[in-house]
PDB file of N, CA and C in Angstrom:
ATOM      1  N   THR A   1      29.915  49.093  60.341  1.00  0.00           N
ATOM      2  CA  THR A   1      29.976  47.642  60.297  1.00  0.00           C
ATOM      3  C   THR A   1      29.536  47.297  58.848  1.00  0.00           C
ATOM      4  N   ALA A   2      29.742  46.150  58.429  1.00  0.00           N
ATOM      5  CA  ALA A   2      29.141  45.780  57.147  1.00  0.00           C
ATOM      6  C   ALA A   2      27.611  45.814  57.111  1.00  0.00           C
ATOM      7  N   LEU A   3      27.017  45.326  58.304  1.00  0.00           N
ATOM      8  CA  LEU A   3      25.530  45.366  58.298  1.00  0.00           C
ATOM      9  C   LEU A   3      25.059  46.810  58.155  1.00  0.00           C
ATOM     10  N   THR A   4      25.681  47.703  58.866  1.00  0.00           N
ATOM     11  CA  THR A   4      25.276  49.107  58.893  1.00  0.00           C
ATOM     12  C   THR A   4      25.254  49.621  57.477  1.00  0.00           C
ATOM     13  N   MET A   5      26.345  49.318  56.484  1.00  0.00           N
ATOM     14  CA  MET A   5      26.393  49.730  55.194  1.00  0.00           C
ATOM     15  C   MET A   5      25.363  49.017  54.273  1.00  0.00           C
ATOM     16  N   VAL A   6      25.286  47.717  54.564  1.00  0.00           N
ATOM     17  CA  VAL A   6      24.230  47.088  53.782  1.00  0.00           C
ATOM     18  C   VAL A   6      22.674  47.669  53.988  1.00  0.00           C
ATOM     19  N   LEU A   7      22.254  47.994  55.281  1.00  0.00           N
ATOM     20  CA  LEU A   7      21.110  48.562  55.624  1.00  0.00           C
ATOM     21  C   LEU A   7      20.997  50.171  55.032  1.00  0.00           C
ATOM     22  N   GLY A   8      22.167  50.791  55.064  1.00  0.00           N
ATOM     23  CA  GLY A   8      22.091  52.099  54.614  1.00  0.00           C
ATOM     24  C   GLY A   8      21.853  52.041  52.943  1.00  0.00           C
ATOM     25  N   PHE A   9      22.545  51.126  52.362  1.00  0.00           N
ATOM     26  CA  PHE A   9      22.381  50.818  50.928  1.00  0.00           C
ATOM     27  C   PHE A   9      20.892  50.525  50.531  1.00  0.00           C
ATOM     28  N   ALA A  10      20.469  49.598  51.374  1.00  0.00           N
ATOM     29  CA  ALA A  10      19.210  49.262  51.070  1.00  0.00           C
ATOM     30  C   ALA A  10      17.911  50.200  51.254  1.00  0.00           C
ATOM     31  N   ALA A  11      18.235  51.067  52.385  1.00  0.00           N
ATOM     32  CA  ALA A  11      17.262  52.260  52.648  1.00  0.00           C
ATOM     33  C   ALA A  11      17.347  53.300  51.272  1.00  0.00           C
ATOM     34  N   TRP A  12      18.735  53.586  50.902  1.00  0.00           N
ATOM     35  CA  TRP A  12      18.807  54.378  49.823  1.00  0.00           C
ATOM     36  C   TRP A  12      18.241  53.950  48.572  1.00  0.00           C
ATOM     37  N   LEU A  13      18.132  52.710  48.257  1.00  0.00           N
ATOM     38  CA  LEU A  13      17.531  52.113  47.076  1.00  0.00           C
ATOM     39  C   LEU A  13      16.019  52.103  47.183  1.00  0.00           C
ATOM     40  N   ALA A  14      15.579  52.001  48.387  1.00  0.00           N
ATOM     41  CA  ALA A  14      14.010  51.981  48.702  1.00  0.00           C
ATOM     42  C   ALA A  14      13.684  53.421  48.665  1.00  0.00           C
ATOM     43  N   ALA A  15      14.421  54.425  48.759  1.00  0.00           N
ATOM     44  CA  ALA A  15      14.016  55.918  48.758  1.00  0.00           C
ATOM     45  C   ALA A  15      14.237  56.552  47.340  1.00  0.00           C
ATOM     46  N   ALA A  16      14.832  55.665  46.396  1.00  0.00           N
ATOM     47  CA  ALA A  16      15.197  56.257  45.000  1.00  0.00           C
ATOM     48  C   ALA A  16      13.743  56.253  44.319  1.00  0.00           C
ATOM     49  N   THR A  17      13.682  57.356  43.514  1.00  0.00           N
ATOM     50  CA  THR A  17      12.399  57.733  42.859  1.00  0.00           C
ATOM     51  C   THR A  17      12.795  57.384  41.354  1.00  0.00           C
ATOM     52  N   ALA A  18      13.763  57.305  40.851  1.00  0.00           N
ATOM     53  CA  ALA A  18      13.988  57.245  39.420  1.00  0.00           C
ATOM     54  C   ALA A  18      14.887  55.814  39.317  1.00  0.00           C
ATOM     55  N   PRO A  19      14.758  55.151  38.074  1.00  0.00           N
ATOM     56  CA  PRO A  19      15.452  53.912  38.031  1.00  0.00           C
ATOM     57  C   PRO A  19      17.070  54.107  38.040  1.00  0.00           C
ATOM     58  N   LEU A  20      17.706  53.135  38.668  1.00  0.00           N
ATOM     59  CA  LEU A  20      19.075  53.188  38.809  1.00  0.00           C
ATOM     60  C   LEU A  20      19.877  52.837  37.337  1.00  0.00           C
ATOM     61  N   LEU A  21      19.166  51.992  36.547  1.00  0.00           N
ATOM     62  CA  LEU A  21      19.809  51.700  35.371  1.00  0.00           C
ATOM     63  C   LEU A  21      18.514  51.631  34.519  1.00  0.00           C
ATOM     64  N   ASN A  22      18.713  52.049  33.226  1.00  0.00           N
ATOM     65  CA  ASN A  22      17.679  51.628  32.216  1.00  0.00           C
ATOM     66  C   ASN A  22      18.208  50.467  31.356  1.00  0.00           C
ATOM     67  N   LEU A  23      17.545  49.444  31.384  1.00  0.00           N
ATOM     68  CA  LEU A  23      18.027  48.186  30.614  1.00  0.00           C
ATOM     69  C   LEU A  23      17.505  48.301  29.380  1.00  0.00           C
ATOM     70  N   PRO A  24      18.310  47.701  28.610  1.00  0.00           N
ATOM     71  CA  PRO A  24      18.117  47.768  27.000  1.00  0.00           C
ATOM     72  C   PRO A  24      16.926  46.664  26.606  1.00  0.00           C
ATOM     73  N   GLN A  25      16.771  45.685  27.486  1.00  0.00           N
ATOM     74  CA  GLN A  25      15.884  44.709  26.975  1.00  0.00           C
ATOM     75  C   GLN A  25      14.422  45.103  27.264  1.00  0.00           C
ATOM     76  N   THR A  26      13.442  44.431  26.295  1.00  0.00           N
ATOM     77  CA  THR A  26      12.085  44.774  26.597  1.00  0.00           C
ATOM     78  C   THR A  26      11.339  43.695  27.250  1.00  0.00           C
ATOM     79  N   GLY A  27      11.931  42.733  27.666  1.00  0.00           N
ATOM     80  CA  GLY A  27      11.277  41.626  28.391  1.00  0.00           C
ATOM     81  C   GLY A  27      11.708  41.752  29.733  1.00  0.00           C
ATOM     82  N   VAL A  28      11.032  40.802  30.616  1.00  0.00           N
ATOM     83  CA  VAL A  28      11.255  40.671  31.979  1.00  0.00           C
ATOM     84  C   VAL A  28      12.467  40.158  32.317  1.00  0.00           C
ATOM     85  N   VAL A  29      13.380  40.620  33.368  1.00  0.00           N
ATOM     86  CA  VAL A  29      14.854  40.262  33.562  1.00  0.00           C
ATOM     87  C   VAL A  29      14.694  38.952  34.575  1.00  0.00           C
ATOM     88  N   TYR A  30      15.487  37.795  33.963  1.00  0.00           N
ATOM     89  CA  TYR A  30      15.277  36.713  34.646  1.00  0.00           C
ATOM     90  C   TYR A  30      16.557  36.275  35.170  1.00  0.00           C
ATOM     91  N   GLY A  31      17.666  36.763  34.647  1.00  0.00           N
ATOM     92  CA  GLY A  31      19.038  36.456  34.956  1.00  0.00           C
ATOM     93  C   GLY A  31      19.894  37.611  35.002  1.00  0.00           C
ATOM     94  N   LEU A  32      20.554  37.853  36.466  1.00  0.00           N
ATOM     95  CA  LEU A  32      21.426  38.947  36.624  1.00  0.00           C
ATOM     96  C   LEU A  32      22.688  38.321  37.399  1.00  0.00           C
ATOM     97  N   ASP A  33      23.871  38.792  36.797  1.00  0.00           N
ATOM     98  CA  ASP A  33      25.293  38.477  37.546  1.00  0.00           C
ATOM     99  C   ASP A  33      26.302  39.697  37.339  1.00  0.00           C
ATOM    100  N   PHE A  34      26.894  39.675  38.210  1.00  0.00           N
ATOM    101  CA  PHE A  34      28.183  40.785  38.423  1.00  0.00           C
ATOM    102  C   PHE A  34      29.436  40.107  38.371  1.00  0.00           C
ATOM    103  N   SER A  35      30.442  40.531  37.607  1.00  0.00           N
ATOM    104  CA  SER A  35      31.757  40.128  37.627  1.00  0.00           C
ATOM    105  C   SER A  35      32.564  41.540  38.267  1.00  0.00           C
ATOM    106  N   HIS A  36      33.850  41.130  38.254  1.00  0.00           N
ATOM    107  CA  HIS A  36      34.636  42.476  38.718  1.00  0.00           C
ATOM    108  C   HIS A  36      34.364  43.725  38.065  1.00  0.00           C
ATOM    109  N   ASP A  37      33.948  43.540  36.848  1.00  0.00           N
ATOM    110  CA  ASP A  37      33.981  45.106  36.100  1.00  0.00           C
ATOM    111  C   ASP A  37      32.733  45.023  35.053  1.00  0.00           C
ATOM    112  N   ALA A  38      31.849  44.096  35.285  1.00  0.00           N
ATOM    113  CA  ALA A  38      30.819  44.044  34.349  1.00  0.00           C
ATOM    114  C   ALA A  38      29.455  43.527  34.983  1.00  0.00           C
ATOM    115  N   LEU A  39      28.450  43.703  34.450  1.00  0.00           N
ATOM    116  CA  LEU A  39      27.014  43.280  34.825  1.00  0.00           C
ATOM    117  C   LEU A  39      26.298  42.820  33.625  1.00  0.00           C
ATOM    118  N   ALA A  40      25.972  41.542  33.786  1.00  0.00           N
ATOM    119  CA  ALA A  40      25.279  40.689  32.728  1.00  0.00           C
ATOM    120  C   ALA A  40      23.676  40.650  33.057  1.00  0.00           C
ATOM    121  N   VAL A  41      22.903  40.887  31.959  1.00  0.00           N
ATOM    122  CA  VAL A  41      21.484  40.770  32.267  1.00  0.00           C
ATOM    123  C   VAL A  41      20.896  39.998  31.253  1.00  0.00           C
ATOM    124  N   GLY A  42      20.029  38.894  31.573  1.00  0.00           N
ATOM    125  CA  GLY A  42      19.278  38.160  30.459  1.00  0.00           C
ATOM    126  C   GLY A  42      17.713  38.272  30.834  1.00  0.00           C
ATOM    127  N   SER A  43      17.156  38.411  29.555  1.00  0.00           N
ATOM    128  CA  SER A  43      15.530  38.522  29.955  1.00  0.00           C
ATOM    129  C   SER A  43      14.686  37.713  28.950  1.00  0.00           C
ATOM    130  N   ASN A  44      13.486  37.575  29.295  1.00  0.00           N
ATOM    131  CA  ASN A  44      12.559  36.598  28.517  1.00  0.00           C
ATOM    132  C   ASN A  44      12.368  37.012  26.935  1.00  0.00           C
ATOM    133  N   ASP A  45      13.016  38.164  26.650  1.00  0.00           N
ATOM    134  CA  ASP A  45      12.801  38.676  25.161  1.00  0.00           C
ATOM    135  C   ASP A  45      14.018  37.882  24.350  1.00  0.00           C
ATOM    136  N   GLY A  46      14.769  37.081  25.069  1.00  0.00           N
ATOM    137  CA  GLY A  46      15.798  36.335  24.489  1.00  0.00           C
ATOM    138  C   GLY A  46      17.396  36.985  24.370  1.00  0.00           C
ATOM    139  N   THR A  47      17.443  38.021  25.087  1.00  0.00           N
ATOM    140  CA  THR A  47      18.536  39.005  24.987  1.00  0.00           C
ATOM    141  C   THR A  47      19.411  38.757  26.222  1.00  0.00           C
ATOM    142  N   VAL A  48      20.737  38.817  25.807  1.00  0.00           N
ATOM    143  CA  VAL A  48      21.856  38.719  26.962  1.00  0.00           C
ATOM    144  C   VAL A  48      22.552  40.133  26.658  1.00  0.00           C
ATOM    145  N   ALA A  49      22.628  41.035  27.797  1.00  0.00           N
ATOM    146  CA  ALA A  49      23.339  42.066  27.550  1.00  0.00           C
ATOM    147  C   ALA A  49      24.437  42.426  28.520  1.00  0.00           C
ATOM    148  N   LEU A  50      25.610  43.008  28.208  1.00  0.00           N
ATOM    149  CA  LEU A  50      26.638  43.194  29.123  1.00  0.00           C
ATOM    150  C   LEU A  50      26.701  44.950  29.412  1.00  0.00           C
ATOM    151  N   TYR A  51      26.698  45.118  30.625  1.00  0.00           N
ATOM    152  CA  TYR A  51      26.993  46.675  30.998  1.00  0.00           C
ATOM    153  C   TYR A  51      28.071  46.664  31.625  1.00  0.00           C
ATOM    154  N   HIS A  52      28.948  47.751  31.354  1.00  0.00           N
ATOM    155  CA  HIS A  52      30.233  48.057  31.905  1.00  0.00           C
ATOM    156  C   HIS A  52      30.143  49.380  32.786  1.00  0.00           C
ATOM    157  N   PRO A  53      29.832  49.267  34.086  1.00  0.00           N
ATOM    158  CA  PRO A  53      29.450  50.297  34.826  1.00  0.00           C
ATOM    159  C   PRO A  53      30.806  51.357  34.956  1.00  0.00           C
ATOM    160  N   PHE A  54      31.985  50.747  34.846  1.00  0.00           N
ATOM    161  CA  PHE A  54      33.065  51.669  34.974  1.00  0.00           C
ATOM    162  C   PHE A  54      33.728  52.289  33.691  1.00  0.00           C
ATOM    163  N   SER A  55      32.883  52.014  32.654  1.00  0.00           N
ATOM    164  CA  SER A  55      33.455  52.421  31.338  1.00  0.00           C
ATOM    165  C   SER A  55      33.371  54.000  31.334  1.00  0.00           C
ATOM    166  N   THR A  56      34.151  54.710  30.545  1.00  0.00           N
ATOM    167  CA  THR A  56      34.188  56.157  30.510  1.00  0.00           C
ATOM    168  C   THR A  56      32.846  56.706  29.946  1.00  0.00           C
ATOM    169  N   GLU A  57      32.137  55.935  28.975  1.00  0.00           N
ATOM    170  CA  GLU A  57      31.046  56.254  28.252  1.00  0.00           C
ATOM    171  C   GLU A  57      29.920  56.153  29.626  1.00  0.00           C
ATOM    172  N   GLY A  58      29.894  55.309  30.420  1.00  0.00           N
ATOM    173  CA  GLY A  58      28.980  54.735  31.370  1.00  0.00           C
ATOM    174  C   GLY A  58      27.644  54.453  30.751  1.00  0.00           C
ATOM    175  N   THR A  59      27.782  53.825  29.541  1.00  0.00           N
ATOM    176  CA  THR A  59      26.506  53.381  28.932  1.00  0.00           C
ATOM    177  C   THR A  59      26.454  51.935  28.630  1.00  0.00           C
ATOM    178  N   TRP A  60      25.530  51.317  28.105  1.00  0.00           N
ATOM    179  CA  TRP A  60      25.451  49.872  27.702  1.00  0.00           C
ATOM    180  C   TRP A  60      26.501  49.692  26.495  1.00  0.00           C
ATOM    181  N   ALA A  61      27.434  48.435  26.936  1.00  0.00           N
ATOM    182  CA  ALA A  61      28.460  48.005  25.779  1.00  0.00           C
ATOM    183  C   ALA A  61      27.482  47.693  24.750  1.00  0.00           C
ATOM    184  N   PRO A  62      28.125  47.528  23.540  1.00  0.00           N
ATOM    185  CA  PRO A  62      27.256  47.149  22.147  1.00  0.00           C
ATOM    186  C   PRO A  62      27.391  45.716  22.257  1.00  0.00           C
ATOM    187  N   VAL A  63      27.364  44.926  23.349  1.00  0.00           N
ATOM    188  CA  VAL A  63      27.344  43.473  23.196  1.00  0.00           C
ATOM    189  C   VAL A  63      25.995  43.065  23.627  1.00  0.00           C
ATOM    190  N   VAL A  64      25.049  42.691  22.831  1.00  0.00           N
ATOM    191  CA  VAL A  64      23.679  42.211  23.054  1.00  0.00           C
ATOM    192  C   VAL A  64      23.791  40.976  22.153  1.00  0.00           C
ATOM    193  N   LYS A  65      23.247  39.959  22.810  1.00  0.00           N
ATOM    194  CA  LYS A  65      23.353  38.631  22.118  1.00  0.00           C
ATOM    195  C   LYS A  65      22.006  37.921  22.038  1.00  0.00           C
ATOM    196  N   LYS A  66      21.424  37.372  21.181  1.00  0.00           N
ATOM    197  CA  LYS A  66      19.911  36.630  21.348  1.00  0.00           C
ATOM    198  C   LYS A  66      20.152  35.262  21.444  1.00  0.00           C
ATOM    199  N   HIS A  67      19.325  34.734  22.277  1.00  0.00           N
ATOM    200  CA  HIS A  67      19.033  33.182  22.250  1.00  0.00           C
ATOM    201  C   HIS A  67      17.740  33.013  21.500  1.00  0.00           C
ATOM    202  N   GLY A  68      17.427  31.719  21.286  1.00  0.00           N
ATOM    203  CA  GLY A  68      16.226  31.447  20.427  1.00  0.00           C
ATOM    204  C   GLY A  68      15.108  31.625  21.108  1.00  0.00           C
ATOM    205  N   LYS A  69      15.157  31.572  22.513  1.00  0.00           N
ATOM    206  CA  LYS A  69      14.073  31.690  23.284  1.00  0.00           C
ATOM    207  C   LYS A  69      14.514  32.544  24.636  1.00  0.00           C
ATOM    208  N   GLY A  70      13.651  32.749  25.493  1.00  0.00           N
ATOM    209  CA  GLY A  70      14.040  33.544  26.619  1.00  0.00           C
ATOM    210  C   GLY A  70      15.196  33.016  27.488  1.00  0.00           C
ATOM    211  N   VAL A  71      16.014  33.922  28.185  1.00  0.00           N
ATOM    212  CA  VAL A  71      17.141  33.579  28.826  1.00  0.00           C
ATOM    213  C   VAL A  71      16.472  33.494  30.135  1.00  0.00           C
ATOM    214  N   THR A  72      17.037  32.308  30.780  1.00  0.00           N
ATOM    215  CA  THR A  72      16.504  32.118  32.311  1.00  0.00           C
ATOM    216  C   THR A  72      17.685  32.363  33.364  1.00  0.00           C
ATOM    217  N   SER A  73      18.975  32.348  32.997  1.00  0.00           N
ATOM    218  CA  SER A  73      19.945  32.698  33.627  1.00  0.00           C
ATOM    219  C   SER A  73      21.432  33.137  33.172  1.00  0.00           C
ATOM    220  N   VAL A  74      22.079  34.088  33.814  1.00  0.00           N
ATOM    221  CA  VAL A  74      23.422  34.221  33.327  1.00  0.00           C
ATOM    222  C   VAL A  74      24.510  33.995  34.396  1.00  0.00           C
ATOM    223  N   ALA A  75      25.652  33.869  33.918  1.00  0.00           N
ATOM    224  CA  ALA A  75      26.783  33.542  35.231  1.00  0.00           C
ATOM    225  C   ALA A  75      28.172  33.778  34.458  1.00  0.00           C
ATOM    226  N   PHE A  76      28.824  34.578  35.169  1.00  0.00           N
ATOM    227  CA  PHE A  76      30.486  34.732  34.757  1.00  0.00           C
ATOM    228  C   PHE A  76      31.066  33.505  35.277  1.00  0.00           C
ATOM    229  N   ASN A  77      32.095  33.177  34.770  1.00  0.00           N
ATOM    230  CA  ASN A  77      33.088  32.310  35.365  1.00  0.00           C
ATOM    231  C   ASN A  77      34.054  33.136  36.134  1.00  0.00           C
ATOM    232  N   SER A  78      34.902  32.342  36.882  1.00  0.00           N
ATOM    233  CA  SER A  78      35.532  32.918  38.114  1.00  0.00           C
ATOM    234  C   SER A  78      36.234  34.199  37.781  1.00  0.00           C
ATOM    235  N   ASN A  79      36.976  34.313  36.680  1.00  0.00           N
ATOM    236  CA  ASN A  79      37.783  35.563  36.527  1.00  0.00           C
ATOM    237  C   ASN A  79      36.946  36.519  35.579  1.00  0.00           C
ATOM    238  N   GLY A  80      35.744  36.342  34.924  1.00  0.00           N
ATOM    239  CA  GLY A  80      34.776  37.155  34.405  1.00  0.00           C
ATOM    240  C   GLY A  80      35.378  37.167  32.975  1.00  0.00           C
ATOM    241  N   SER A  81      35.985  36.265  32.299  1.00  0.00           N
ATOM    242  CA  SER A  81      36.207  36.259  31.094  1.00  0.00           C
ATOM    243  C   SER A  81      35.210  35.406  30.063  1.00  0.00           C
ATOM    244  N   VAL A  82      34.480  34.665  30.605  1.00  0.00           N
ATOM    245  CA  VAL A  82      33.272  34.083  30.128  1.00  0.00           C
ATOM    246  C   VAL A  82      31.910  34.206  30.656  1.00  0.00           C
ATOM    247  N   LEU A  83      31.065  34.373  29.934  1.00  0.00           N
ATOM    248  CA  LEU A  83      29.839  34.566  30.398  1.00  0.00           C
ATOM    249  C   LEU A  83      28.910  33.393  29.953  1.00  0.00           C
ATOM    250  N   LEU A  84      28.231  32.600  30.807  1.00  0.00           N
ATOM    251  CA  LEU A  84      27.327  31.567  30.442  1.00  0.00           C
ATOM    252  C   LEU A  84      25.701  32.010  30.487  1.00  0.00           C
ATOM    253  N   SER A  85      24.851  31.447  29.651  1.00  0.00           N
ATOM    254  CA  SER A  85      23.718  31.936  29.593  1.00  0.00           C
ATOM    255  C   SER A  85      22.803  30.629  29.359  1.00  0.00           C
ATOM    256  N   THR A  86      21.667  30.522  29.939  1.00  0.00           N
ATOM    257  CA  THR A  86      20.745  29.431  29.763  1.00  0.00           C
ATOM    258  C   THR A  86      19.483  30.106  29.260  1.00  0.00           C
ATOM    259  N   SER A  87      18.896  29.127  28.513  1.00  0.00           N
ATOM    260  CA  SER A  87      17.541  29.415  27.797  1.00  0.00           C
ATOM    261  C   SER A  87      16.364  28.556  27.859  1.00  0.00           C
ATOM    262  N   SER A  88      15.262  29.167  27.610  1.00  0.00           N
ATOM    263  CA  SER A  88      14.030  28.170  27.941  1.00  0.00           C
ATOM    264  C   SER A  88      13.989  26.978  26.880  1.00  0.00           C
ATOM    265  N   ASN A  89      14.757  27.200  25.775  1.00  0.00           N
ATOM    266  CA  ASN A  89      14.841  26.195  24.856  1.00  0.00           C
ATOM    267  C   ASN A  89      15.802  25.142  25.108  1.00  0.00           C
ATOM    268  N   LYS A  90      16.374  25.037  26.616  1.00  0.00           N
ATOM    269  CA  LYS A  90      17.303  24.162  27.060  1.00  0.00           C
ATOM    270  C   LYS A  90      18.627  24.278  26.499  1.00  0.00           C
ATOM    271  N   SER A  91      19.066  25.439  25.941  1.00  0.00           N
ATOM    272  CA  SER A  91      20.515  25.700  25.482  1.00  0.00           C
ATOM    273  C   SER A  91      21.248  26.356  26.401  1.00  0.00           C
ATOM    274  N   VAL A  92      22.743  26.176  26.352  1.00  0.00           N
ATOM    275  CA  VAL A  92      23.428  26.848  27.108  1.00  0.00           C
ATOM    276  C   VAL A  92      24.477  27.661  26.180  1.00  0.00           C
ATOM    277  N   ALA A  93      24.686  28.929  26.262  1.00  0.00           N
ATOM    278  CA  ALA A  93      25.722  29.622  25.370  1.00  0.00           C
ATOM    279  C   ALA A  93      26.634  30.215  26.257  1.00  0.00           C
ATOM    280  N   ALA A  94      27.971  30.207  25.550  1.00  0.00           N
ATOM    281  CA  ALA A  94      28.996  30.613  26.191  1.00  0.00           C
ATOM    282  C   ALA A  94      29.614  31.906  25.301  1.00  0.00           C
ATOM    283  N   TRP A  95      29.981  32.972  26.092  1.00  0.00           N
ATOM    284  CA  TRP A  95      30.427  34.149  25.344  1.00  0.00           C
ATOM    285  C   TRP A  95      31.585  34.741  26.083  1.00  0.00           C
ATOM    286  N   ARG A  96      32.443  35.219  25.156  1.00  0.00           N
ATOM    287  CA  ARG A  96      33.760  35.868  25.588  1.00  0.00           C
ATOM    288  C   ARG A  96      33.475  37.438  26.094  1.00  0.00           C
ATOM    289  N   VAL A  97      33.878  37.650  27.210  1.00  0.00           N
ATOM    290  CA  VAL A  97      33.742  39.085  27.641  1.00  0.00           C
ATOM    291  C   VAL A  97      35.006  39.770  27.610  1.00  0.00           C
ATOM    292  N   PRO A  98      35.094  41.012  27.158  1.00  0.00           N
ATOM    293  CA  PRO A  98      33.875  41.954  27.045  1.00  0.00           C
ATOM    294  C   PRO A  98      33.458  41.844  25.326  1.00  0.00           C
ATOM    295  N   SER A  99      34.031  41.153  24.474  1.00  0.00           N
ATOM    296  CA  SER A  99      33.764  41.235  23.059  1.00  0.00           C
ATOM    297  C   SER A  99      32.340  40.645  22.682  1.00  0.00           C
ATOM    298  N   GLY A 100      31.864  39.712  23.342  1.00  0.00           N
ATOM    299  CA  GLY A 100      30.505  39.100  23.218  1.00  0.00           C
ATOM    300  C   GLY A 100      30.782  38.013  22.071  1.00  0.00           C
ATOM    301  N   GLU A 101      31.981  37.822  21.697  1.00  0.00           N
ATOM    302  CA  GLU A 101      32.146  36.684  20.768  1.00  0.00           C
ATOM    303  C   GLU A 101      31.539  35.300  21.379  1.00  0.00           C
ATOM    304  N   PRO A 102      30.890  34.533  20.507  1.00  0.00           N
ATOM    305  CA  PRO A 102      30.537  33.271  21.018  1.00  0.00           C
ATOM    306  C   PRO A 102      31.729  32.319  21.250  1.00  0.00           C
ATOM    307  N   VAL A 103      31.781  31.510  22.199  1.00  0.00           N
ATOM    308  CA  VAL A 103      32.518  30.419  22.526  1.00  0.00           C
ATOM    309  C   VAL A 103      31.856  29.164  22.001  1.00  0.00           C
ATOM    310  N   GLY A 104      30.575  29.047  22.041  1.00  0.00           N
ATOM    311  CA  GLY A 104      29.805  27.798  21.712  1.00  0.00           C
ATOM    312  C   GLY A 104      28.430  27.930  22.293  1.00  0.00           C
ATOM    313  N   VAL A 105      27.481  27.119  21.686  1.00  0.00           N
ATOM    314  CA  VAL A 105      26.149  26.852  22.133  1.00  0.00           C
ATOM    315  C   VAL A 105      25.767  25.471  22.195  1.00  0.00           C
ATOM    316  N   TYR A 106      25.448  25.119  23.252  1.00  0.00           N
ATOM    317  CA  TYR A 106      25.260  23.599  23.560  1.00  0.00           C
ATOM    318  C   TYR A 106      23.771  23.427  23.799  1.00  0.00           C
ATOM    319  N   ASP A 107      23.229  22.382  23.036  1.00  0.00           N
ATOM    320  CA  ASP A 107      21.813  22.209  23.066  1.00  0.00           C
ATOM    321  C   ASP A 107      21.481  20.878  23.866  1.00  0.00           C
TER     322      ASP A 107
END
């Protein structure tokens, strides 16, 4: 059942002795979101990074963007083509996925 799968996954995570991912950020992670093919991570060092776990390289994509201050949250739109991020300086930024091209910053 689904509950058995979730409990098994939680037990596997608890037993892991090595990090599952080494994040490129140097700060504390405050925002995390998944789309159908990417993971977005935002941290208090002001970075927003995209990870593509199904890429052939299996590494972080070269899409790392900076906010003026720490990132407080990240979220993909419904089809995963745009990533929104918020910052402690009360700005909202929109980025195209997977290129990281800015759509706009709203203060």
